[in-house]
Each structure stands twice: as C-alpha cells, then as structure tokens.
C-alpha cells in the first residue's frame, strides 16, 4: 500500500488548481435574478429576503446546488401575512435564508402555467379557491397555508406546514440548509439544538482531541485507528455534533480507547507538515478551506464529516452530515472493531445493539 503521505500528495496535486475557485457556501451573498414579474409579492421591495421566481430558483439550483425554500401562501391567508411581517422581517432569519437558500414566493392560487421537470402545470380553475396543480403536488395534497416547502439538491420535497415565528423556524432552516434531514430525525436534532442553543447546556468535552500531525506520528509508533472530524465555523451542524454527539460518555469512552481523534476546522490557517508535504490555507476568498481538509475530503466539502483511517493511516471510509450519538455509534464500532473486514454494513447494522441508553 502507498503511505498516507503519498496518497495525500496525489490527491492534493490533482485538486488544488480546481479548488482555487471554491467559495464556502455560507459566506456567499445571493444576488437576486432579474424579476420576471410573475408571482412576486406586492411589497417585495421592502423585504429583507431576496425572493426569486420559481423558475429562477430551479435554474440556479441546477447550476449551483442549494436547497430551494418556497413560501407557499395565498392572498387571503392572514397567518401568511403575519409570517411575512414578523418572521421574514427578522434580520437574522432573512440573512440566513439569503445565504443558504434560493427563496421563492409562491401564490398557491396563481393562474399562470409552469413547466417543471418536463411537465406543464396549470390552475384548472375549478372550485371556490382553485389551487395551482404544482402547489397541490409540492404540498402533497395538503392545502394548508402558510407552508414552507424545502426542495433539496436531490429534488426531495419536504413541506412543513403552519405559522412559525423566528425562534421556531430557526432549527428547521438549519435542518434543511445543512442537509441534516438526510442523517438525523428532526425530533432528535431539535432536542439537541434546544439543549445547546436555547438552554445553553455546555457539556464537558470528553474526547481527547489531537493535532493531525501528532496523531499521524503517534500512529506510527503505536498503531491505532484515527478518526478525523472536519467541521466548519459556518456550520451549526458542526458545532452541535462537537458539543452534543462527541460529548456523549459512551461515544467518548470508546473513541479514546480505540482511536486517535483529530478535529480539523475547515477554515483553519495553521501550517501543517506531513512528511515532505506542507499544507496551508491560501485564503483565496473569505472563509476559504485549508488545503488539508480539501485533500482529505477530495474536494467534496461537506460539514461535519468524519473520516476513518486505519493503523497505517490509510483512509478507510468517510461519512458526511450531522449524526446524533446513536447514529454515530455503529459507525465508530464497525471500523473500530474491524467488522468492516468481515461483514457488509447492512448485515452489521441490522444486528447492531446500541450501548447508549
């Protein structure tokens, strides 16, 4: 097998030219497209949110993947107006939506036709308050207003109904913007979100975190597996995973026994030397990622991410996305106890029994 240093050299040389253009998504400012004049609210000029038409958002998502945020409303909906006035005029909420979503105002009773994914949708005009066909599809037949529809970069449609004030919508925004919905149930995420951000619970840091270069050196002298947690200053999921998942006593005790553990900030500015390779942060843009996380993640910058390295410092596998303790536990034991050498993941996961109460 090639030594870890050689693997990093190969990955690094292939990727670094391309990633001079990387811009961390959370730092970007969204520039609104030209107003096509359809389905835009009358008071849009006063809005803190830069609203797109549905067609613009779909086009932008294809070019630069980001979740589409659709405020599904009607002209007669009082709670929709209240949400406009109070929730969407909150500066922090508006800024987060602008930075992390393509936001759309969608009148569920609009009259024009819309082409989406090769199909044309209409408002057939039957009934007292006829809904648009696309609204019916996106709301999955539950015509309740206001409803926020989240369409992720894999075209998964997630409608969340009901009026939400700024405090209530914040964890939902983070849940879908950071794609946590793919790795953790909302109830578990919300519980951890509230304990850390609302109740200000600050559990003790139990994992023995090491610098990356030190972990590599220690592994050469006394071989163990290495767990690398890559986080970002601009990812709430990263902060939550560090302070709720990795502070679980069962998780921490197992990691300290079986692994050398490393926590890397994607935006760090340290100079790290591994063998004859020097890794730095070139700071090409604000919040630009460091060369080492770029190489380790092979350019797929998703936070938080956990990498597993074997006793020879070779990368075994990677998992991306926020995980609760019971979500992380089977992974660390699958690799830590070498089950990955003899069992398929599906078979192992089916038989796995958690030690976390």
Protein backbone atom coordinates (compact mmCIF):
# COMPACT_ATOMS: atom_id res chain seq x y z
CA UNK A 1 0.00 0.00 0.00
CA UNK A 2 1.11 3.56 -0.60
CA UNK A 3 1.97 5.54 2.57
CA UNK A 4 -0.55 8.13 3.70
CA UNK A 5 1.78 10.95 2.71
CA UNK A 6 1.88 9.71 -0.91
CA UNK A 7 -1.89 9.42 -1.05
CA UNK A 8 -2.27 12.99 0.16
CA UNK A 9 0.30 14.21 -2.37
CA UNK A 10 -1.60 12.61 -5.25
CA UNK A 11 -4.99 13.91 -4.12
CA UNK A 12 -3.61 17.34 -3.35
CA UNK A 13 -1.89 17.86 -6.71
CA UNK A 14 -4.99 16.82 -8.64
CA UNK A 15 -7.35 19.02 -6.71
CA UNK A 16 -5.63 22.20 -5.67
CA UNK A 17 -5.89 24.05 -9.01
CA UNK A 18 -9.60 23.40 -9.24
CA UNK A 19 -10.29 24.43 -5.65
CA UNK A 20 -8.78 27.85 -6.05
CA UNK A 21 -12.32 28.70 -7.14
CA UNK A 22 -14.07 27.19 -4.12
CA UNK A 23 -16.18 29.64 -2.16
CA UNK A 24 -17.62 28.46 1.09
CA UNK A 25 -21.37 28.49 0.57
CA UNK A 26 -22.28 30.08 3.85
CA UNK A 27 -20.24 33.22 3.07
CA UNK A 28 -21.77 33.91 -0.31
CA UNK A 29 -24.20 36.72 -0.93
CA UNK A 30 -27.13 35.81 -3.14
CA UNK A 31 -27.72 38.23 -5.96
CA UNK A 32 -31.35 38.21 -6.98
CA UNK A 33 -32.11 37.39 -10.60
CA UNK A 34 -34.00 39.72 -12.83
CA UNK A 35 -37.64 39.96 -11.78
CA UNK A 36 -39.71 38.10 -14.31
CA UNK A 37 -42.82 39.79 -12.97
CA UNK A 38 -44.70 36.63 -12.01
CA UNK A 39 -45.78 35.61 -8.54
CA UNK A 40 -43.82 38.34 -6.76
CA UNK A 41 -45.41 39.90 -3.63
CA UNK A 42 -46.56 43.50 -3.86
CA UNK A 43 -44.29 44.63 -1.03
CA UNK A 44 -41.22 42.77 -2.27
CA UNK A 45 -39.14 45.96 -2.43
CA UNK A 46 -39.44 46.24 1.37
CA UNK A 47 -38.48 42.63 2.03
CA UNK A 48 -35.18 41.69 3.66
CA UNK A 49 -35.25 38.44 1.71
CA UNK A 50 -34.15 38.41 -1.93
CA UNK A 51 -37.01 36.45 -3.46
CA UNK A 52 -36.67 34.57 -6.75
CA UNK A 53 -39.34 33.34 -9.09
CA UNK A 54 -39.81 29.56 -9.02
CA UNK A 55 -38.26 29.26 -12.47
CA UNK A 56 -35.17 31.27 -11.45
CA UNK A 57 -34.64 29.16 -8.32
CA UNK A 58 -34.82 25.90 -10.26
CA UNK A 59 -32.34 27.19 -12.82
CA UNK A 60 -29.93 28.39 -10.12
CA UNK A 61 -30.17 25.12 -8.22
CA UNK A 62 -29.08 23.23 -11.34
CA UNK A 63 -26.02 25.47 -11.72
CA UNK A 64 -25.03 25.71 -8.06
CA UNK A 65 -26.81 23.22 -5.77
CA UNK A 66 -28.59 24.73 -2.81
CA UNK A 67 -31.95 23.99 -1.22
CA UNK A 68 -34.97 25.84 -2.60
CA UNK A 69 -37.13 27.50 0.06
CA UNK A 70 -40.73 28.05 -1.08
CA UNK A 71 -43.11 30.19 0.94
CA UNK A 72 -46.47 28.76 -0.19
CA UNK A 73 -49.12 31.42 0.51
CA UNK A 74 -52.46 32.81 -0.66
CA UNK A 75 -53.72 36.40 -0.84
CA UNK A 76 -56.43 35.71 1.76
CA UNK A 77 -54.17 33.95 4.32
CA UNK A 78 -53.80 36.10 7.44
CA UNK A 79 -51.12 33.90 9.02
CA UNK A 80 -49.10 34.19 5.79
CA UNK A 81 -49.10 37.97 6.14
CA UNK A 82 -48.12 37.67 9.80
CA UNK A 83 -45.20 35.43 8.86
CA UNK A 84 -44.13 37.96 6.21
CA UNK A 85 -44.26 40.81 8.70
CA UNK A 86 -42.66 39.12 11.70
CA UNK A 87 -40.59 36.09 10.67
CA UNK A 88 -39.26 37.12 7.27
CA UNK A 89 -38.52 40.64 8.50
CA UNK A 90 -36.29 39.32 11.25
CA UNK A 91 -32.75 40.36 10.14
CA UNK A 92 -31.05 37.16 11.34
CA UNK A 93 -33.63 34.87 9.76
CA UNK A 94 -33.61 36.81 6.49
CA UNK A 95 -29.80 36.78 6.33
CA UNK A 96 -29.67 33.02 6.92
CA UNK A 97 -32.27 32.35 4.23
CA UNK A 98 -30.47 34.62 1.76
CA UNK A 99 -27.13 32.90 2.38
CA UNK A 100 -28.27 29.29 2.40
CA UNK A 101 -31.33 29.02 0.16
CA UNK A 102 -32.90 30.06 -3.09
CA UNK A 103 -36.08 31.62 -1.59
CA UNK A 104 -39.32 31.69 -3.59
CA UNK A 105 -42.70 33.33 -3.01
CA UNK A 106 -45.34 31.04 -4.50
CA UNK A 107 -49.03 32.01 -4.61
CA UNK A 108 -50.77 28.64 -4.36
CA UNK A 109 -53.69 30.03 -6.41
CA UNK A 110 -51.65 31.65 -9.20
CA UNK A 111 -53.15 31.45 -12.69
CA UNK A 112 -50.15 31.05 -14.99
CA UNK A 113 -48.70 27.80 -16.32
CA UNK A 114 -45.37 26.46 -15.03
CA UNK A 115 -43.05 23.93 -16.63
CA UNK A 116 -41.19 21.86 -14.03
CA UNK A 117 -39.11 18.74 -14.73
CA UNK A 118 -40.57 18.44 -18.20
CA UNK A 119 -44.22 18.67 -17.14
CA UNK A 120 -46.57 21.66 -17.55
CA UNK A 121 -48.74 22.59 -14.57
CA UNK A 122 -51.89 24.76 -14.66
CA UNK A 123 -54.61 26.16 -12.46
CA UNK A 124 -57.72 24.45 -13.78
CA UNK A 125 -59.97 27.00 -12.09
CA UNK A 126 -62.50 24.62 -10.57
CA UNK A 127 -63.96 25.30 -7.12
CA UNK A 128 -64.19 28.38 -4.93
CA UNK A 129 -60.44 28.86 -4.39
CA UNK A 130 -58.80 26.66 -7.02
CA UNK A 131 -55.16 25.77 -6.28
CA UNK A 132 -52.44 25.55 -8.88
CA UNK A 133 -51.54 21.99 -9.89
CA UNK A 134 -47.90 22.48 -8.91
CA UNK A 135 -48.92 23.76 -5.47
CA UNK A 136 -51.01 20.62 -4.98
CA UNK A 137 -48.04 18.43 -5.92
CA UNK A 138 -45.48 20.30 -3.77
CA UNK A 139 -47.83 20.35 -0.78
CA UNK A 140 -48.62 16.66 -1.36
CA UNK A 141 -52.32 17.46 -1.41
CA UNK A 142 -52.38 19.16 2.00
CA UNK A 143 -53.57 22.63 1.07
CA UNK A 144 -52.67 24.45 4.27
CA UNK A 145 -51.18 27.95 4.44
CA UNK A 146 -48.61 29.08 5.19
CA UNK A 147 -46.45 26.07 4.34
CA UNK A 148 -42.74 26.18 3.62
CA UNK A 149 -41.60 23.67 1.01
CA UNK A 150 -37.95 22.65 1.05
CA UNK A 151 -36.61 21.11 -2.19
CA UNK A 152 -33.06 19.85 -1.74
CA UNK A 153 -30.42 19.35 -4.41
CA UNK A 154 -31.65 15.79 -4.98
CA UNK A 155 -35.18 17.10 -5.66
CA UNK A 156 -36.60 15.68 -2.42
CA UNK A 157 -39.71 17.69 -1.50
CA UNK A 158 -40.31 18.40 2.21
CA UNK A 159 -43.36 20.56 3.08
CA UNK A 160 -43.52 21.94 6.63
CA UNK A 161 -46.88 23.49 7.43
CA UNK A 162 -48.01 26.16 9.86
CA UNK A 163 -47.06 29.63 11.03
CA UNK A 164 -43.57 29.83 12.53
CA UNK A 165 -42.04 32.70 14.44
CA UNK A 166 -38.27 33.33 14.20
CA UNK A 167 -37.42 31.06 17.15
CA UNK A 168 -39.49 28.18 15.82
CA UNK A 169 -38.26 28.32 12.22
CA UNK A 170 -34.54 28.64 13.03
CA UNK A 171 -33.84 24.92 13.72
CA UNK A 172 -35.96 23.94 10.70
CA UNK A 173 -33.90 26.24 8.45
CA UNK A 174 -30.65 24.74 9.72
CA UNK A 175 -32.03 21.20 9.44
CA UNK A 176 -32.70 21.51 5.70
CA UNK A 177 -29.97 24.00 4.70
CA UNK A 178 -27.22 21.80 6.13
CA UNK A 179 -28.89 18.61 4.82
CA UNK A 180 -29.24 17.21 8.33
CA UNK A 181 -32.58 15.78 7.20
CA UNK A 182 -30.61 13.06 5.41
CA UNK A 183 -28.86 11.78 8.52
CA UNK A 184 -30.96 12.51 11.63
CA UNK A 185 -34.65 12.64 12.61
CA UNK A 186 -35.84 16.20 13.19
CA UNK A 187 -37.06 15.45 16.74
CA UNK A 188 -33.55 14.34 17.79
CA UNK A 189 -31.88 17.27 16.08
CA UNK A 190 -34.35 19.74 17.62
CA UNK A 191 -33.80 18.30 21.10
CA UNK A 192 -30.03 18.78 20.80
CA UNK A 193 -30.47 22.20 19.20
CA UNK A 194 -32.62 23.42 22.08
CA UNK A 195 -30.38 21.96 24.79
CA UNK A 196 -27.28 23.64 23.36
CA UNK A 197 -28.56 26.90 21.86
CA UNK A 198 -31.72 27.63 23.86
CA UNK A 199 -30.98 26.10 27.28
CA UNK A 200 -27.26 26.90 26.95
CA UNK A 201 -26.18 23.48 28.21
CA UNK A 202 -22.40 23.14 27.74
CA UNK A 203 -21.39 19.53 28.41
CA UNK A 204 -17.78 18.64 29.20
CA UNK A 205 -15.51 17.82 26.26
CA UNK A 206 -14.62 14.17 26.89
CA UNK A 207 -12.79 13.21 23.69
CA UNK A 208 -9.01 13.52 23.70
CA UNK A 209 -8.57 15.61 20.55
CA UNK A 210 -5.09 15.66 18.99
CA UNK A 211 -3.42 17.76 16.27
CA UNK A 212 -3.43 15.91 12.95
CA UNK A 213 0.34 15.66 12.56
CA UNK A 214 0.70 14.40 16.15
CA UNK A 215 -1.93 11.70 15.57
CA UNK A 216 -0.03 10.51 12.48
CA UNK A 217 3.24 10.42 14.44
CA UNK A 218 1.67 8.56 17.39
CA UNK A 219 0.08 6.10 14.99
CA UNK A 220 3.48 5.26 13.54
CA UNK A 221 4.88 4.47 16.98
CA UNK A 222 1.78 2.79 18.46
CA UNK A 223 -0.72 1.85 15.71
CA UNK A 224 -4.40 2.59 16.29
CA UNK A 225 -7.13 3.80 14.01
CA UNK A 226 -7.57 7.53 13.53
CA UNK A 227 -10.88 9.38 13.48
CA UNK A 228 -10.81 12.79 11.80
CA UNK A 229 -13.74 15.13 12.39
CA UNK A 230 -13.85 18.02 9.90
CA UNK A 231 -16.02 20.95 10.97
CA UNK A 232 -16.73 24.48 9.79
CA UNK A 233 -17.17 27.72 11.68
CA UNK A 234 -20.22 28.35 9.48
CA UNK A 235 -21.98 25.05 10.09
CA UNK A 236 -24.39 24.80 13.03
CA UNK A 237 -24.42 21.05 12.48
CA UNK A 238 -20.66 21.02 13.10
CA UNK A 239 -21.00 22.90 16.37
CA UNK A 240 -23.84 20.69 17.53
CA UNK A 241 -22.03 17.47 16.68
CA UNK A 242 -18.94 18.57 18.62
CA UNK A 243 -20.97 19.65 21.65
CA UNK A 244 -23.76 17.06 21.79
CA UNK A 245 -22.67 13.92 19.93
CA UNK A 246 -18.98 13.78 20.81
CA UNK A 247 -19.73 14.73 24.43
CA UNK A 248 -21.76 11.56 24.94
CA UNK A 249 -19.95 9.45 27.53
CA UNK A 250 -20.34 6.16 25.64
CA UNK A 251 -19.07 7.69 22.40
CA UNK A 252 -16.14 9.45 24.06
CA UNK A 253 -15.03 6.44 26.10
CA UNK A 254 -15.00 4.18 23.05
CA UNK A 255 -13.17 6.71 20.88
CA UNK A 256 -10.49 7.38 23.49
CA UNK A 257 -9.82 3.63 23.74
CA UNK A 258 -9.88 2.67 20.07
CA UNK A 259 -8.84 5.78 18.12
CA UNK A 260 -6.54 8.74 17.93
CA UNK A 261 -9.06 11.56 17.45
CA UNK A 262 -8.47 14.69 15.40
CA UNK A 263 -10.73 17.71 14.96
CA UNK A 264 -9.98 19.95 11.97
CA UNK A 265 -11.56 23.33 11.30
CA UNK A 266 -12.04 23.71 7.56
CA UNK A 267 -11.12 27.41 7.77
CA UNK A 268 -8.00 26.95 9.92
CA UNK A 269 -4.92 28.94 8.96
CA UNK A 270 -2.23 26.72 10.53
CA UNK A 271 0.66 25.36 8.51
CA UNK A 272 0.66 21.56 8.75
CA UNK A 273 3.59 19.44 7.59
CA UNK A 274 3.19 15.71 6.95
CA UNK A 275 6.34 14.06 5.64
CA UNK A 276 7.57 16.38 2.91
CA UNK A 277 4.15 17.88 2.14
CA UNK A 278 3.20 21.29 3.55
CA UNK A 279 -0.50 22.20 3.79
CA UNK A 280 -1.64 25.80 4.23
CA UNK A 281 -4.75 27.93 3.81
CA UNK A 282 -4.28 30.07 0.70
CA UNK A 283 -7.10 32.45 1.74
CA UNK A 284 -8.21 32.99 -1.85
CA UNK A 285 -11.66 34.08 -0.67
CA UNK A 286 -13.23 34.77 2.73
CA UNK A 287 -13.72 31.52 4.65
CA UNK A 288 -11.67 29.58 2.10
CA UNK A 289 -10.94 25.99 3.24
CA UNK A 290 -7.49 24.78 4.23
CA UNK A 291 -5.60 22.53 1.81
CA UNK A 292 -5.59 19.57 4.23
CA UNK A 293 -9.41 19.28 4.58
CA UNK A 294 -9.68 19.76 0.80
CA UNK A 295 -7.32 16.83 0.24
CA UNK A 296 -8.91 14.60 2.88
CA UNK A 297 -12.44 15.19 1.56
CA UNK A 298 -11.25 15.03 -2.05
CA UNK A 299 -12.86 18.39 -2.67
CA UNK A 300 -16.35 17.40 -1.52
CA UNK A 301 -16.63 19.99 1.21
CA UNK A 302 -19.47 18.85 3.44
CA UNK A 303 -19.62 19.67 7.17
CA UNK A 304 -19.43 17.96 9.54
CA UNK A 305 -17.61 14.99 8.02
CA UNK A 306 -15.96 12.05 9.79
CA UNK A 307 -13.09 10.12 8.21
CA UNK A 308 -11.79 6.77 9.42
CA UNK A 309 -8.12 5.91 8.94
CA UNK A 310 -6.60 2.50 9.63
CA UNK A 311 -3.47 1.68 11.60
CA UNK A 312 -1.31 2.57 8.58
CA UNK A 313 -3.00 5.99 8.29
CA UNK A 314 -4.84 4.91 5.13
CA UNK A 315 -8.34 6.29 4.62
CA UNK A 316 -10.94 3.53 5.12
CA UNK A 317 -14.17 5.45 4.73
CA UNK A 318 -15.97 8.76 5.22
CA UNK A 319 -19.41 9.77 6.45
CA UNK A 320 -20.87 13.25 5.99
CA UNK A 321 -23.61 15.05 7.86
CA UNK A 322 -24.68 15.65 11.43
CA UNK A 323 -25.25 12.50 13.48
CA UNK A 324 -26.77 12.02 16.91
CA UNK A 325 -24.83 9.72 19.30
CA UNK A 326 -26.89 6.64 18.37
CA UNK A 327 -26.32 7.47 14.71
CA UNK A 328 -22.53 7.73 15.08
CA UNK A 329 -22.07 4.76 17.43
CA UNK A 330 -22.47 1.92 14.88
CA UNK A 331 -20.00 3.58 12.52
CA UNK A 332 -17.21 4.00 15.05
CA UNK A 333 -17.63 0.40 16.24
CA UNK A 334 -17.93 -1.03 12.72
CA UNK A 335 -14.50 0.33 11.87
CA UNK A 336 -13.01 0.35 15.37
CA UNK A 337 -13.68 -3.35 15.96
CA UNK A 338 -12.70 -4.36 12.39
CA UNK A 339 -16.15 -5.63 11.46
CA UNK A 340 -15.70 -3.84 8.13
CA UNK A 341 -13.18 -6.53 7.18
CA UNK A 342 -15.63 -9.43 7.55
CA UNK A 343 -19.19 -8.05 7.39
CA UNK A 344 -21.18 -5.98 4.95
CA UNK A 345 -22.51 -2.76 6.50
CA UNK A 346 -26.18 -3.71 6.03
CA UNK A 347 -25.72 -7.04 7.81
CA UNK A 348 -23.76 -5.44 10.64
CA UNK A 349 -26.25 -2.58 11.08
CA UNK A 350 -29.18 -4.97 11.25
CA UNK A 351 -27.62 -6.90 14.14
CA UNK A 352 -26.13 -3.88 15.94
CA UNK A 353 -27.25 -3.19 19.53
CA UNK A 354 -26.56 0.26 20.99
CA UNK A 355 -24.87 0.76 24.35
CA UNK A 356 -26.37 4.25 24.64
CA UNK A 357 -29.41 4.50 26.90
